[in-house]
Amino acid sequence: MRVRAVVWALWLAPASHLVAQEQPQERPRSSAELWVSAAVEVKPLHKPSGRQYEKQFYRKFRTTLELGYRSDENLTGGRLFYTILGANYRFKHWLRLGLEHRYNLRDRYNTNSQRTDLQLTLVGDIGRLAVRYQLQGQHEWIPVWKIRDLVRNEIGLEWNTRKFPIDPYVKAETFNAFHYTGDRLIGIRYGLGMKLKLGGGHKLNLGYRYDREIDLPDLRYRSIFTVGYEHEWGG
């Protein structure tokens, strides 16, 4: 009997280990957040007369400023305020390269941080459908044992509505982390919304995003409601 019991134990041990691996160790937490932002894009330089190259450079160069707020998971308090300063240059009508630096002012439970982003943006039109792709390299200036280097890929579609000031859009984005413990996909984000054109370079952006973390401790699935204001000044 003892031999038979040992044989059964040895046979069941790998099976029980596989079942344990298939079951998640913890269930992801679901939360809802509110993101509010205001951004302005400025043409800072003006072409001097008689100089063709500088005329082209000044016309295509832009600087940006963005202020933002993000609520906590219960929509009752703020967990983050941020400021972004950036610059971008449009090489072609379909190609733009940008650099941004962000300062994060966090709540009392987390440490303030800074982040630098390099962005490559491609845009194109298929009739009234605008297609946009952005590749973003992101480095956050935090300790090396944390995840601080990301590559983000975002693709979006926006419909240019005729004779109506609302343009609907959809988009999706992936987040790939580069870390000494291993490179991996850590998140996917889906979004939809609409842009309301107010005239004079003013826009109001209302949207919803669903964010899923992957292969991280303390996984979170977030429903994000966004309100954004945009203005192009001096364009």
C-alpha atoms as a PDB file:
ATOM      1  CA  MET A   1       0.000   0.000   0.000  1.00  0.00           C
ATOM      2  CA  ARG A   2       2.800   2.391   0.791  1.00  0.00           C
ATOM      3  CA  VAL A   3       4.385   1.859  -2.639  1.00  0.00           C
ATOM      4  CA  ARG A   4       1.046   2.470  -4.364  1.00  0.00           C
ATOM      5  CA  ALA A   5       0.503   5.685  -2.350  1.00  0.00           C
ATOM      6  CA  VAL A   6       3.943   6.966  -3.316  1.00  0.00           C
ATOM      7  CA  VAL A   7       3.276   6.245  -7.008  1.00  0.00           C
ATOM      8  CA  TRP A   8      -0.044   8.113  -6.887  1.00  0.00           C
ATOM      9  CA  ALA A   9       1.597  11.066  -5.128  1.00  0.00           C
ATOM     10  CA  LEU A  10       4.335  11.274  -7.762  1.00  0.00           C
ATOM     11  CA  TRP A  11       1.756  11.138 -10.586  1.00  0.00           C
ATOM     12  CA  LEU A  12      -0.531  13.788  -9.089  1.00  0.00           C
ATOM     13  CA  ALA A  13       2.205  16.264  -8.110  1.00  0.00           C
ATOM     14  CA  PRO A  14       2.974  17.550 -11.671  1.00  0.00           C
ATOM     15  CA  ALA A  15      -0.742  17.755 -12.493  1.00  0.00           C
ATOM     16  CA  SER A  16      -1.510  19.792  -9.371  1.00  0.00           C
ATOM     17  CA  HIS A  17       1.448  22.075 -10.180  1.00  0.00           C
ATOM     18  CA  LEU A  18       0.090  22.699 -13.692  1.00  0.00           C
ATOM     19  CA  VAL A  19      -3.373  23.516 -12.338  1.00  0.00           C
ATOM     20  CA  ALA A  20      -1.836  25.968  -9.872  1.00  0.00           C
ATOM     21  CA  GLN A  21       0.075  27.640 -12.702  1.00  0.00           C
ATOM     22  CA  GLU A  22      -3.051  28.032 -14.811  1.00  0.00           C
ATOM     23  CA  GLN A  23      -4.935  29.807 -12.023  1.00  0.00           C
ATOM     24  CA  PRO A  24      -3.951  33.466 -11.424  1.00  0.00           C
ATOM     25  CA  GLN A  25      -2.382  34.185  -8.087  1.00  0.00           C
ATOM     26  CA  GLU A  26      -4.552  37.238  -7.566  1.00  0.00           C
ATOM     27  CA  ARG A  27      -7.472  38.829  -9.299  1.00  0.00           C
ATOM     28  CA  PRO A  28      -6.813  42.157 -11.079  1.00  0.00           C
ATOM     29  CA  ARG A  29      -8.302  45.206  -9.391  1.00  0.00           C
ATOM     30  CA  SER A  30     -10.805  47.289 -11.332  1.00  0.00           C
ATOM     31  CA  SER A  31     -10.969  51.045 -10.905  1.00  0.00           C
ATOM     32  CA  ALA A  32     -12.320  54.214 -12.520  1.00  0.00           C
ATOM     33  CA  GLU A  33     -10.330  57.422 -13.026  1.00  0.00           C
ATOM     34  CA  LEU A  34     -10.834  60.916 -14.391  1.00  0.00           C
ATOM     35  CA  TRP A  35      -8.111  62.543 -16.513  1.00  0.00           C
ATOM     36  CA  VAL A  36      -8.315  66.278 -17.264  1.00  0.00           C
ATOM     37  CA  SER A  37      -5.803  68.193 -19.397  1.00  0.00           C
ATOM     38  CA  ALA A  38      -5.269  71.509 -21.156  1.00  0.00           C
ATOM     39  CA  ALA A  39      -2.683  71.892 -23.933  1.00  0.00           C
ATOM     40  CA  VAL A  40      -1.528  74.688 -26.196  1.00  0.00           C
ATOM     41  CA  GLU A  41       0.675  74.454 -29.302  1.00  0.00           C
ATOM     42  CA  VAL A  42       2.578  77.618 -30.187  1.00  0.00           C
ATOM     43  CA  LYS A  43       4.474  78.770 -33.257  1.00  0.00           C
ATOM     44  CA  PRO A  44       7.298  80.559 -31.401  1.00  0.00           C
ATOM     45  CA  LEU A  45       9.423  81.776 -34.308  1.00  0.00           C
ATOM     46  CA  HIS A  46       8.582  84.083 -37.187  1.00  0.00           C
ATOM     47  CA  LYS A  47      10.288  83.981 -40.543  1.00  0.00           C
ATOM     48  CA  PRO A  48      12.792  86.721 -41.350  1.00  0.00           C
ATOM     49  CA  SER A  49      12.382  88.193 -44.783  1.00  0.00           C
ATOM     50  CA  GLY A  50      14.597  87.001 -47.633  1.00  0.00           C
ATOM     51  CA  ARG A  51      15.876  83.762 -46.044  1.00  0.00           C
ATOM     52  CA  GLN A  52      14.215  80.719 -47.536  1.00  0.00           C
ATOM     53  CA  TYR A  53      15.612  77.982 -45.236  1.00  0.00           C
ATOM     54  CA  GLU A  54      14.742  79.779 -42.029  1.00  0.00           C
ATOM     55  CA  LYS A  55      11.308  80.515 -43.423  1.00  0.00           C
ATOM     56  CA  GLN A  56      10.677  76.796 -43.872  1.00  0.00           C
ATOM     57  CA  PHE A  57      12.103  75.886 -40.441  1.00  0.00           C
ATOM     58  CA  TYR A  58      10.122  78.525 -38.578  1.00  0.00           C
ATOM     59  CA  ARG A  59       6.921  77.504 -40.342  1.00  0.00           C
ATOM     60  CA  LYS A  60       7.248  73.854 -39.327  1.00  0.00           C
ATOM     61  CA  PHE A  61       8.616  74.190 -35.789  1.00  0.00           C
ATOM     62  CA  ARG A  62       6.233  74.147 -32.796  1.00  0.00           C
ATOM     63  CA  THR A  63       6.468  74.210 -29.009  1.00  0.00           C
ATOM     64  CA  THR A  64       3.869  72.745 -26.667  1.00  0.00           C
ATOM     65  CA  LEU A  65       2.739  73.184 -23.071  1.00  0.00           C
ATOM     66  CA  GLU A  66       0.337  70.847 -21.297  1.00  0.00           C
ATOM     67  CA  LEU A  67      -1.081  70.807 -17.767  1.00  0.00           C
ATOM     68  CA  GLY A  68      -2.923  67.756 -16.477  1.00  0.00           C
ATOM     69  CA  TYR A  69      -4.730  66.185 -13.529  1.00  0.00           C
ATOM     70  CA  ARG A  70      -5.487  62.543 -12.781  1.00  0.00           C
ATOM     71  CA  SER A  71      -7.817  61.374 -10.056  1.00  0.00           C
ATOM     72  CA  ASP A  72      -7.385  58.414  -7.743  1.00  0.00           C
ATOM     73  CA  GLU A  73      -9.180  55.140  -8.320  1.00  0.00           C
ATOM     74  CA  ASN A  74     -12.345  56.328  -6.602  1.00  0.00           C
ATOM     75  CA  LEU A  75     -12.682  59.626  -8.529  1.00  0.00           C
ATOM     76  CA  THR A  76     -12.696  61.411  -5.160  1.00  0.00           C
ATOM     77  CA  GLY A  77      -9.149  62.793  -4.921  1.00  0.00           C
ATOM     78  CA  GLY A  78      -6.117  63.676  -6.976  1.00  0.00           C
ATOM     79  CA  ARG A  79      -3.212  61.288  -7.321  1.00  0.00           C
ATOM     80  CA  LEU A  80      -1.221  63.191  -9.964  1.00  0.00           C
ATOM     81  CA  PHE A  81      -0.686  66.665 -11.400  1.00  0.00           C
ATOM     82  CA  TYR A  82       1.740  67.036 -14.293  1.00  0.00           C
ATOM     83  CA  THR A  83       3.351  69.578 -16.589  1.00  0.00           C
ATOM     84  CA  ILE A  84       4.725  68.832 -20.054  1.00  0.00           C
ATOM     85  CA  LEU A  85       7.061  71.047 -22.081  1.00  0.00           C
ATOM     86  CA  GLY A  86       7.764  69.918 -25.607  1.00  0.00           C
ATOM     87  CA  ALA A  87       8.895  70.788 -29.108  1.00  0.00           C
ATOM     88  CA  ASN A  88       8.256  69.149 -32.461  1.00  0.00           C
ATOM     89  CA  TYR A  89       9.210  69.622 -36.088  1.00  0.00           C
ATOM     90  CA  ARG A  90       7.166  68.583 -39.136  1.00  0.00           C
ATOM     91  CA  PHE A  91       9.589  67.254 -41.774  1.00  0.00           C
ATOM     92  CA  LYS A  92       6.787  66.314 -44.185  1.00  0.00           C
ATOM     93  CA  HIS A  93       3.040  66.692 -44.054  1.00  0.00           C
ATOM     94  CA  TRP A  94       2.950  63.037 -42.915  1.00  0.00           C
ATOM     95  CA  LEU A  95       6.047  62.953 -40.637  1.00  0.00           C
ATOM     96  CA  ARG A  96       6.679  64.737 -37.353  1.00  0.00           C
ATOM     97  CA  LEU A  97       9.419  64.265 -34.724  1.00  0.00           C
ATOM     98  CA  GLY A  98       8.954  65.531 -31.172  1.00  0.00           C
ATOM     99  CA  LEU A  99      10.661  65.696 -27.782  1.00  0.00           C
ATOM    100  CA  GLU A 100       8.832  66.219 -24.471  1.00  0.00           C
ATOM    101  CA  HIS A 101       9.815  66.499 -20.819  1.00  0.00           C
ATOM    102  CA  ARG A 102       7.268  65.868 -18.097  1.00  0.00           C
ATOM    103  CA  TYR A 103       7.251  66.617 -14.364  1.00  0.00           C
ATOM    104  CA  ASN A 104       4.900  64.528 -12.193  1.00  0.00           C
ATOM    105  CA  LEU A 105       3.676  65.916  -8.887  1.00  0.00           C
ATOM    106  CA  ARG A 106       2.224  62.924  -7.060  1.00  0.00           C
ATOM    107  CA  ASP A 107       0.185  62.401  -3.903  1.00  0.00           C
ATOM    108  CA  ARG A 108       1.711  61.941  -0.455  1.00  0.00           C
ATOM    109  CA  TYR A 109       1.970  58.160  -0.879  1.00  0.00           C
ATOM    110  CA  ASN A 110       4.206  58.346  -3.964  1.00  0.00           C
ATOM    111  CA  THR A 111       7.400  60.108  -5.020  1.00  0.00           C
ATOM    112  CA  ASN A 112       7.484  62.931  -7.561  1.00  0.00           C
ATOM    113  CA  SER A 113       9.271  62.057 -10.796  1.00  0.00           C
ATOM    114  CA  GLN A 114      10.352  63.323 -14.206  1.00  0.00           C
ATOM    115  CA  ARG A 115      10.020  61.735 -17.631  1.00  0.00           C
ATOM    116  CA  THR A 116      11.495  62.308 -21.104  1.00  0.00           C
ATOM    117  CA  ASP A 117       9.731  61.159 -24.283  1.00  0.00           C
ATOM    118  CA  LEU A 118      10.893  60.950 -27.905  1.00  0.00           C
ATOM    119  CA  GLN A 119       8.028  60.704 -30.404  1.00  0.00           C
ATOM    120  CA  LEU A 120       7.801  59.795 -34.085  1.00  0.00           C
ATOM    121  CA  THR A 121       4.374  60.493 -35.597  1.00  0.00           C
ATOM    122  CA  LEU A 122       3.034  59.435 -39.007  1.00  0.00           C
ATOM    123  CA  VAL A 123      -0.283  60.744 -40.356  1.00  0.00           C
ATOM    124  CA  GLY A 124      -2.253  60.180 -43.533  1.00  0.00           C
ATOM    125  CA  ASP A 125      -5.734  60.581 -44.970  1.00  0.00           C
ATOM    126  CA  ILE A 126      -7.950  58.083 -46.764  1.00  0.00           C
ATOM    127  CA  GLY A 127     -10.792  60.260 -47.921  1.00  0.00           C
ATOM    128  CA  ARG A 128     -12.299  61.722 -44.762  1.00  0.00           C
ATOM    129  CA  LEU A 129     -10.642  59.093 -42.562  1.00  0.00           C
ATOM    130  CA  ALA A 130      -7.441  60.290 -40.842  1.00  0.00           C
ATOM    131  CA  VAL A 131      -4.947  57.559 -39.868  1.00  0.00           C
ATOM    132  CA  ARG A 132      -2.346  58.304 -37.201  1.00  0.00           C
ATOM    133  CA  TYR A 133       0.524  56.175 -35.873  1.00  0.00           C
ATOM    134  CA  GLN A 134       2.895  57.199 -33.080  1.00  0.00           C
ATOM    135  CA  LEU A 135       6.036  55.450 -31.875  1.00  0.00           C
ATOM    136  CA  GLN A 136       7.166  56.755 -28.492  1.00  0.00           C
ATOM    137  CA  GLY A 137      10.289  55.978 -26.492  1.00  0.00           C
ATOM    138  CA  GLN A 138       9.773  56.844 -22.828  1.00  0.00           C
ATOM    139  CA  HIS A 139      12.339  57.118 -20.022  1.00  0.00           C
ATOM    140  CA  GLU A 140      11.292  57.939 -16.477  1.00  0.00           C
ATOM    141  CA  TRP A 141      14.026  59.241 -14.165  1.00  0.00           C
ATOM    142  CA  ILE A 142      13.439  56.802 -11.302  1.00  0.00           C
ATOM    143  CA  PRO A 143      15.565  54.070  -9.616  1.00  0.00           C
ATOM    144  CA  VAL A 144      16.848  51.371 -11.962  1.00  0.00           C
ATOM    145  CA  TRP A 145      15.041  48.535 -10.192  1.00  0.00           C
ATOM    146  CA  LYS A 146      11.708  50.041 -11.250  1.00  0.00           C
ATOM    147  CA  ILE A 147      10.297  49.838 -14.771  1.00  0.00           C
ATOM    148  CA  ARG A 148      11.416  53.120 -16.310  1.00  0.00           C
ATOM    149  CA  ASP A 149      12.007  52.473 -20.040  1.00  0.00           C
ATOM    150  CA  LEU A 150       9.005  51.891 -22.301  1.00  0.00           C
ATOM    151  CA  VAL A 151       8.295  51.728 -26.004  1.00  0.00           C
ATOM    152  CA  ARG A 152       4.712  52.658 -26.842  1.00  0.00           C
ATOM    153  CA  ASN A 153       2.928  52.020 -30.144  1.00  0.00           C
ATOM    154  CA  GLU A 154      -0.343  53.814 -30.791  1.00  0.00           C
ATOM    155  CA  ILE A 155      -2.582  53.740 -33.843  1.00  0.00           C
ATOM    156  CA  GLY A 156      -5.711  55.833 -34.220  1.00  0.00           C
ATOM    157  CA  LEU A 157      -8.506  56.502 -36.709  1.00  0.00           C
ATOM    158  CA  GLU A 158     -10.446  59.788 -36.818  1.00  0.00           C
ATOM    159  CA  TRP A 159     -13.421  60.620 -39.011  1.00  0.00           C
ATOM    160  CA  ASN A 160     -13.593  64.162 -40.408  1.00  0.00           C
ATOM    161  CA  THR A 161     -17.303  64.967 -40.302  1.00  0.00           C
ATOM    162  CA  ARG A 162     -18.474  67.432 -42.936  1.00  0.00           C
ATOM    163  CA  LYS A 163     -20.588  70.433 -41.936  1.00  0.00           C
ATOM    164  CA  PHE A 164     -20.588  69.273 -38.295  1.00  0.00           C
ATOM    165  CA  PRO A 165     -18.075  70.271 -35.575  1.00  0.00           C
ATOM    166  CA  ILE A 166     -17.686  66.800 -34.014  1.00  0.00           C
ATOM    167  CA  ASP A 167     -15.059  64.303 -35.214  1.00  0.00           C
ATOM    168  CA  PRO A 168     -15.247  60.795 -33.636  1.00  0.00           C
ATOM    169  CA  TYR A 169     -12.125  58.662 -33.162  1.00  0.00           C
ATOM    170  CA  VAL A 170     -10.902  55.278 -31.957  1.00  0.00           C
ATOM    171  CA  LYS A 171      -7.381  54.235 -30.984  1.00  0.00           C
ATOM    172  CA  ALA A 172      -5.327  51.454 -29.428  1.00  0.00           C
ATOM    173  CA  GLU A 173      -1.913  51.452 -27.744  1.00  0.00           C
ATOM    174  CA  THR A 174       0.581  48.875 -26.468  1.00  0.00           C
ATOM    175  CA  PHE A 175       3.214  49.339 -23.743  1.00  0.00           C
ATOM    176  CA  ASN A 176       6.449  47.330 -23.942  1.00  0.00           C
ATOM    177  CA  ALA A 177       8.903  47.520 -21.030  1.00  0.00           C
ATOM    178  CA  PHE A 178      12.682  47.168 -21.267  1.00  0.00           C
ATOM    179  CA  HIS A 179      14.182  46.038 -17.957  1.00  0.00           C
ATOM    180  CA  TYR A 180      17.093  43.980 -16.663  1.00  0.00           C
ATOM    181  CA  THR A 181      14.603  41.378 -15.364  1.00  0.00           C
ATOM    182  CA  GLY A 182      13.303  40.836 -18.909  1.00  0.00           C
ATOM    183  CA  ASP A 183      11.658  42.743 -21.738  1.00  0.00           C
ATOM    184  CA  ARG A 184       7.915  42.227 -22.010  1.00  0.00           C
ATOM    185  CA  LEU A 185       4.496  43.595 -22.874  1.00  0.00           C
ATOM    186  CA  ILE A 186       3.021  45.193 -19.743  1.00  0.00           C
ATOM    187  CA  GLY A 187      -0.137  46.895 -20.954  1.00  0.00           C
ATOM    188  CA  ILE A 188      -2.762  47.509 -23.624  1.00  0.00           C
ATOM    189  CA  ARG A 189      -5.023  50.554 -23.815  1.00  0.00           C
ATOM    190  CA  TYR A 190      -8.111  51.064 -25.981  1.00  0.00           C
ATOM    191  CA  GLY A 191      -9.878  54.373 -26.474  1.00  0.00           C
ATOM    192  CA  LEU A 192     -12.750  56.083 -28.210  1.00  0.00           C
ATOM    193  CA  GLY A 193     -14.102  59.600 -28.119  1.00  0.00           C
ATOM    194  CA  MET A 194     -14.894  62.748 -30.034  1.00  0.00           C
ATOM    195  CA  LYS A 195     -13.288  66.097 -30.739  1.00  0.00           C
ATOM    196  CA  LEU A 196     -15.510  69.154 -30.704  1.00  0.00           C
ATOM    197  CA  LYS A 197     -14.168  71.985 -32.890  1.00  0.00           C
ATOM    198  CA  LEU A 198     -14.975  75.301 -31.228  1.00  0.00           C
ATOM    199  CA  GLY A 199     -13.398  77.539 -33.893  1.00  0.00           C
ATOM    200  CA  GLY A 200     -10.321  79.743 -33.773  1.00  0.00           C
ATOM    201  CA  GLY A 201      -7.992  76.796 -33.134  1.00  0.00           C
ATOM    202  CA  HIS A 202      -9.886  75.673 -29.998  1.00  0.00           C
ATOM    203  CA  LYS A 203     -10.923  72.041 -29.476  1.00  0.00           C
ATOM    204  CA  LEU A 204     -12.615  70.054 -26.730  1.00  0.00           C
ATOM    205  CA  ASN A 205     -11.732  66.361 -26.492  1.00  0.00           C
ATOM    206  CA  LEU A 206     -14.062  63.964 -24.659  1.00  0.00           C
ATOM    207  CA  GLY A 207     -13.128  60.299 -24.441  1.00  0.00           C
ATOM    208  CA  TYR A 208     -13.111  56.940 -22.695  1.00  0.00           C
ATOM    209  CA  ARG A 209     -10.128  54.604 -22.316  1.00  0.00           C
ATOM    210  CA  TYR A 210      -9.883  51.053 -21.063  1.00  0.00           C
ATOM    211  CA  ASP A 211      -6.448  50.171 -19.705  1.00  0.00           C
ATOM    212  CA  ARG A 212      -5.302  46.587 -18.958  1.00  0.00           C
ATOM    213  CA  GLU A 213      -2.013  45.853 -17.211  1.00  0.00           C
ATOM    214  CA  ILE A 214      -0.201  42.638 -18.123  1.00  0.00           C
ATOM    215  CA  ASP A 215       2.541  40.641 -16.373  1.00  0.00           C
ATOM    216  CA  LEU A 216       2.863  43.073 -13.462  1.00  0.00           C
ATOM    217  CA  PRO A 217       2.376  42.679  -9.709  1.00  0.00           C
ATOM    218  CA  ASP A 218      -0.891  44.080  -8.365  1.00  0.00           C
ATOM    219  CA  LEU A 219      -2.597  44.072 -11.784  1.00  0.00           C
ATOM    220  CA  ARG A 220      -5.167  46.781 -12.509  1.00  0.00           C
ATOM    221  CA  TYR A 221      -7.889  47.175 -15.112  1.00  0.00           C
ATOM    222  CA  ARG A 222      -8.879  50.836 -15.359  1.00  0.00           C
ATOM    223  CA  SER A 223     -11.817  52.658 -16.892  1.00  0.00           C
ATOM    224  CA  ILE A 224     -10.620  56.179 -17.677  1.00  0.00           C
ATOM    225  CA  PHE A 225     -12.847  59.137 -18.509  1.00  0.00           C
ATOM    226  CA  THR A 226     -10.956  61.970 -20.231  1.00  0.00           C
ATOM    227  CA  VAL A 227     -11.667  65.666 -20.745  1.00  0.00           C
ATOM    228  CA  GLY A 228      -9.114  67.655 -22.731  1.00  0.00           C
ATOM    229  CA  TYR A 229      -8.812  71.181 -24.081  1.00  0.00           C
ATOM    230  CA  GLU A 230      -6.480  71.972 -27.001  1.00  0.00           C
ATOM    231  CA  HIS A 231      -5.530  75.249 -28.661  1.00  0.00           C
ATOM    232  CA  GLU A 232      -3.255  76.044 -31.625  1.00  0.00           C
ATOM    233  CA  TRP A 233      -1.841  79.527 -31.190  1.00  0.00           C
ATOM    234  CA  GLY A 234      -0.119  81.429 -33.958  1.00  0.00           C
ATOM    235  CA  GLY A 235      -0.311  78.577 -36.464  1.00  0.00           C
END
